[in-house]
Amino acid sequence: MPRPAELETCAIITTEENELCVRVHDRMPVILAPSDYERWLDTSDGDPADLLRPYSSDAMRAYPVSPRASSPKNDDADLMEALQSAGSQVRHENRRHGRPVPSMLVGANWIRPDRQPG
């Protein structure tokens, strides 16, 4: 019998919402801190299920983005740019220390870790 072709897949694991995400949804993706990557990938030390928890809302920020972000037809870096509101300056960097910053789109808001939880 021939061997079946490989199938590459991915899954988004969700958990309960944190204080920041509760405004827009009742759950959020699990976000791992870089210090937890190795533990997640190497389960020889035991079950990493305790990592499936809400990311610290103190280490995240949310800001409005273009309604274009709600359509899967649009796929460009401008979707992460913060909308400028009257009288305020909003600064957004989508890279920190030369690495992508994990983020998620919820409704018309980007919610992303702003720093490592402490």
C-alpha atoms as a PDB file:
ATOM      1  CA  MET A   1       0.000   0.000   0.000  1.00  0.00           C
ATOM      2  CA  PRO A   2       1.424   3.428  -0.914  1.00  0.00           C
ATOM      3  CA  ARG A   3       2.317   5.797   1.884  1.00  0.00           C
ATOM      4  CA  PRO A   4      -0.148   8.718   2.206  1.00  0.00           C
ATOM      5  CA  ALA A   5       1.146  12.164   1.344  1.00  0.00           C
ATOM      6  CA  GLU A   6       2.230  14.340   4.240  1.00  0.00           C
ATOM      7  CA  LEU A   7      -0.305  16.851   5.409  1.00  0.00           C
ATOM      8  CA  GLU A   8       0.984  20.044   6.983  1.00  0.00           C
ATOM      9  CA  THR A   9      -1.465  21.553   9.437  1.00  0.00           C
ATOM     10  CA  CYS A  10      -1.584  24.004  12.277  1.00  0.00           C
ATOM     11  CA  ALA A  11      -3.960  24.657  15.135  1.00  0.00           C
ATOM     12  CA  ILE A  12      -4.762  27.734  17.168  1.00  0.00           C
ATOM     13  CA  ILE A  13      -5.147  26.773  20.804  1.00  0.00           C
ATOM     14  CA  THR A  14      -7.432  29.075  22.747  1.00  0.00           C
ATOM     15  CA  THR A  15      -7.894  29.782  26.419  1.00  0.00           C
ATOM     16  CA  GLU A  16     -10.103  32.036  28.496  1.00  0.00           C
ATOM     17  CA  GLU A  17      -9.770  35.751  27.833  1.00  0.00           C
ATOM     18  CA  ASN A  18      -7.601  38.108  29.869  1.00  0.00           C
ATOM     19  CA  GLU A  19      -8.724  41.534  31.115  1.00  0.00           C
ATOM     20  CA  LEU A  20      -7.752  43.232  27.833  1.00  0.00           C
ATOM     21  CA  CYS A  21      -9.437  40.739  25.486  1.00  0.00           C
ATOM     22  CA  VAL A  22     -12.662  40.443  27.499  1.00  0.00           C
ATOM     23  CA  ARG A  23     -13.806  43.693  25.856  1.00  0.00           C
ATOM     24  CA  VAL A  24     -13.961  41.983  22.458  1.00  0.00           C
ATOM     25  CA  HIS A  25     -14.230  38.205  22.974  1.00  0.00           C
ATOM     26  CA  ASP A  26     -14.733  35.456  25.548  1.00  0.00           C
ATOM     27  CA  ARG A  27     -11.529  33.607  24.598  1.00  0.00           C
ATOM     28  CA  MET A  28      -8.097  34.327  23.166  1.00  0.00           C
ATOM     29  CA  PRO A  29      -5.253  32.398  21.545  1.00  0.00           C
ATOM     30  CA  VAL A  30      -2.651  30.981  23.878  1.00  0.00           C
ATOM     31  CA  ILE A  31       0.460  33.174  23.585  1.00  0.00           C
ATOM     32  CA  LEU A  32       3.695  31.670  24.821  1.00  0.00           C
ATOM     33  CA  ALA A  33       6.453  33.830  26.250  1.00  0.00           C
ATOM     34  CA  PRO A  34       9.762  33.213  24.440  1.00  0.00           C
ATOM     35  CA  SER A  35      11.127  31.759  27.680  1.00  0.00           C
ATOM     36  CA  ASP A  36       8.479  28.987  27.403  1.00  0.00           C
ATOM     37  CA  TYR A  37       9.174  27.963  23.770  1.00  0.00           C
ATOM     38  CA  GLU A  38      11.654  25.214  24.633  1.00  0.00           C
ATOM     39  CA  ARG A  39       9.421  23.728  27.312  1.00  0.00           C
ATOM     40  CA  TRP A  40       6.465  23.692  24.893  1.00  0.00           C
ATOM     41  CA  LEU A  41       8.454  21.910  22.188  1.00  0.00           C
ATOM     42  CA  ASP A  42      10.305  19.447  24.454  1.00  0.00           C
ATOM     43  CA  THR A  43       7.754  17.626  26.581  1.00  0.00           C
ATOM     44  CA  SER A  44      10.299  15.213  28.088  1.00  0.00           C
ATOM     45  CA  ASP A  45      10.164  17.272  31.309  1.00  0.00           C
ATOM     46  CA  GLY A  46       6.443  16.672  31.640  1.00  0.00           C
ATOM     47  CA  ASP A  47       3.134  17.975  30.427  1.00  0.00           C
ATOM     48  CA  PRO A  48       3.283  21.678  29.462  1.00  0.00           C
ATOM     49  CA  ALA A  49      -0.509  22.085  29.890  1.00  0.00           C
ATOM     50  CA  ASP A  50       0.008  24.773  32.543  1.00  0.00           C
ATOM     51  CA  LEU A  51       1.264  27.031  29.715  1.00  0.00           C
ATOM     52  CA  LEU A  52      -2.276  27.079  28.280  1.00  0.00           C
ATOM     53  CA  ARG A  53      -3.253  30.165  30.220  1.00  0.00           C
ATOM     54  CA  PRO A  54      -4.171  33.748  29.332  1.00  0.00           C
ATOM     55  CA  TYR A  55      -1.198  35.981  28.538  1.00  0.00           C
ATOM     56  CA  SER A  56      -0.761  38.877  30.953  1.00  0.00           C
ATOM     57  CA  SER A  57      -2.953  41.804  29.871  1.00  0.00           C
ATOM     58  CA  ASP A  58      -0.392  44.143  31.467  1.00  0.00           C
ATOM     59  CA  ALA A  59       2.066  42.976  28.810  1.00  0.00           C
ATOM     60  CA  MET A  60      -0.329  43.647  25.915  1.00  0.00           C
ATOM     61  CA  ARG A  61      -1.950  46.587  24.226  1.00  0.00           C
ATOM     62  CA  ALA A  62      -4.944  47.024  21.941  1.00  0.00           C
ATOM     63  CA  TYR A  63      -5.555  49.730  19.381  1.00  0.00           C
ATOM     64  CA  PRO A  64      -8.017  50.375  16.529  1.00  0.00           C
ATOM     65  CA  VAL A  65      -7.015  49.379  13.002  1.00  0.00           C
ATOM     66  CA  SER A  66      -8.592  49.818   9.593  1.00  0.00           C
ATOM     67  CA  PRO A  67     -11.847  47.972   8.887  1.00  0.00           C
ATOM     68  CA  ARG A  68      -9.889  46.444   5.979  1.00  0.00           C
ATOM     69  CA  ALA A  69      -8.389  44.097   8.582  1.00  0.00           C
ATOM     70  CA  SER A  70     -11.738  42.311   8.913  1.00  0.00           C
ATOM     71  CA  SER A  71     -11.555  40.878   5.387  1.00  0.00           C
ATOM     72  CA  PRO A  72      -9.337  37.886   4.532  1.00  0.00           C
ATOM     73  CA  LYS A  73      -8.998  39.364   1.020  1.00  0.00           C
ATOM     74  CA  ASN A  74      -6.625  41.960   2.467  1.00  0.00           C
ATOM     75  CA  ASP A  75      -3.150  40.747   3.414  1.00  0.00           C
ATOM     76  CA  ASP A  76      -0.566  43.490   3.858  1.00  0.00           C
ATOM     77  CA  ALA A  77       1.472  45.058   6.647  1.00  0.00           C
ATOM     78  CA  ASP A  78      -0.684  48.210   6.633  1.00  0.00           C
ATOM     79  CA  LEU A  79      -3.403  46.200   8.377  1.00  0.00           C
ATOM     80  CA  MET A  80      -1.381  46.344  11.605  1.00  0.00           C
ATOM     81  CA  GLU A  81      -0.993  50.115  11.531  1.00  0.00           C
ATOM     82  CA  ALA A  82      -2.897  51.945  14.249  1.00  0.00           C
ATOM     83  CA  LEU A  83      -5.551  54.390  13.129  1.00  0.00           C
ATOM     84  CA  GLN A  84      -4.730  57.942  14.113  1.00  0.00           C
ATOM     85  CA  SER A  85      -7.454  59.459  16.240  1.00  0.00           C
ATOM     86  CA  ALA A  86      -8.000  63.206  16.349  1.00  0.00           C
ATOM     87  CA  GLY A  87      -5.521  64.887  18.665  1.00  0.00           C
ATOM     88  CA  SER A  88      -3.524  61.794  19.538  1.00  0.00           C
ATOM     89  CA  GLN A  89      -0.337  60.239  18.290  1.00  0.00           C
ATOM     90  CA  VAL A  90      -0.384  56.455  18.157  1.00  0.00           C
ATOM     91  CA  ARG A  91       2.929  54.748  17.564  1.00  0.00           C
ATOM     92  CA  HIS A  92       3.059  51.142  16.474  1.00  0.00           C
ATOM     93  CA  GLU A  93       6.040  48.952  15.861  1.00  0.00           C
ATOM     94  CA  ASN A  94       5.406  45.527  14.414  1.00  0.00           C
ATOM     95  CA  ARG A  95       8.933  44.344  15.174  1.00  0.00           C
ATOM     96  CA  ARG A  96      10.906  44.413  18.393  1.00  0.00           C
ATOM     97  CA  HIS A  97      14.529  43.411  18.711  1.00  0.00           C
ATOM     98  CA  GLY A  98      14.496  42.329  15.060  1.00  0.00           C
ATOM     99  CA  ARG A  99      11.872  39.627  15.686  1.00  0.00           C
ATOM    100  CA  PRO A 100       8.170  39.633  14.829  1.00  0.00           C
ATOM    101  CA  VAL A 101       5.922  40.480  17.771  1.00  0.00           C
ATOM    102  CA  PRO A 102       3.087  37.964  18.154  1.00  0.00           C
ATOM    103  CA  SER A 103      -0.306  39.533  17.732  1.00  0.00           C
ATOM    104  CA  MET A 104      -3.919  38.696  17.081  1.00  0.00           C
ATOM    105  CA  LEU A 105      -6.691  40.482  15.270  1.00  0.00           C
ATOM    106  CA  VAL A 106     -10.009  40.667  17.090  1.00  0.00           C
ATOM    107  CA  GLY A 107     -12.753  42.589  15.351  1.00  0.00           C
ATOM    108  CA  ALA A 108     -11.123  45.808  14.246  1.00  0.00           C
ATOM    109  CA  ASN A 109      -8.465  45.838  16.984  1.00  0.00           C
ATOM    110  CA  TRP A 110      -4.956  44.415  17.028  1.00  0.00           C
ATOM    111  CA  ILE A 111      -4.105  42.976  20.391  1.00  0.00           C
ATOM    112  CA  ARG A 112      -0.495  42.070  20.905  1.00  0.00           C
ATOM    113  CA  PRO A 113       2.034  41.526  23.649  1.00  0.00           C
ATOM    114  CA  ASP A 114       3.782  44.816  24.332  1.00  0.00           C
ATOM    115  CA  ARG A 115       6.430  43.318  26.623  1.00  0.00           C
ATOM    116  CA  GLN A 116       7.173  40.120  28.491  1.00  0.00           C
ATOM    117  CA  PRO A 117       5.029  39.534  31.577  1.00  0.00           C
ATOM    118  CA  GLY A 118       6.948  40.070  34.782  1.00  0.00           C
END
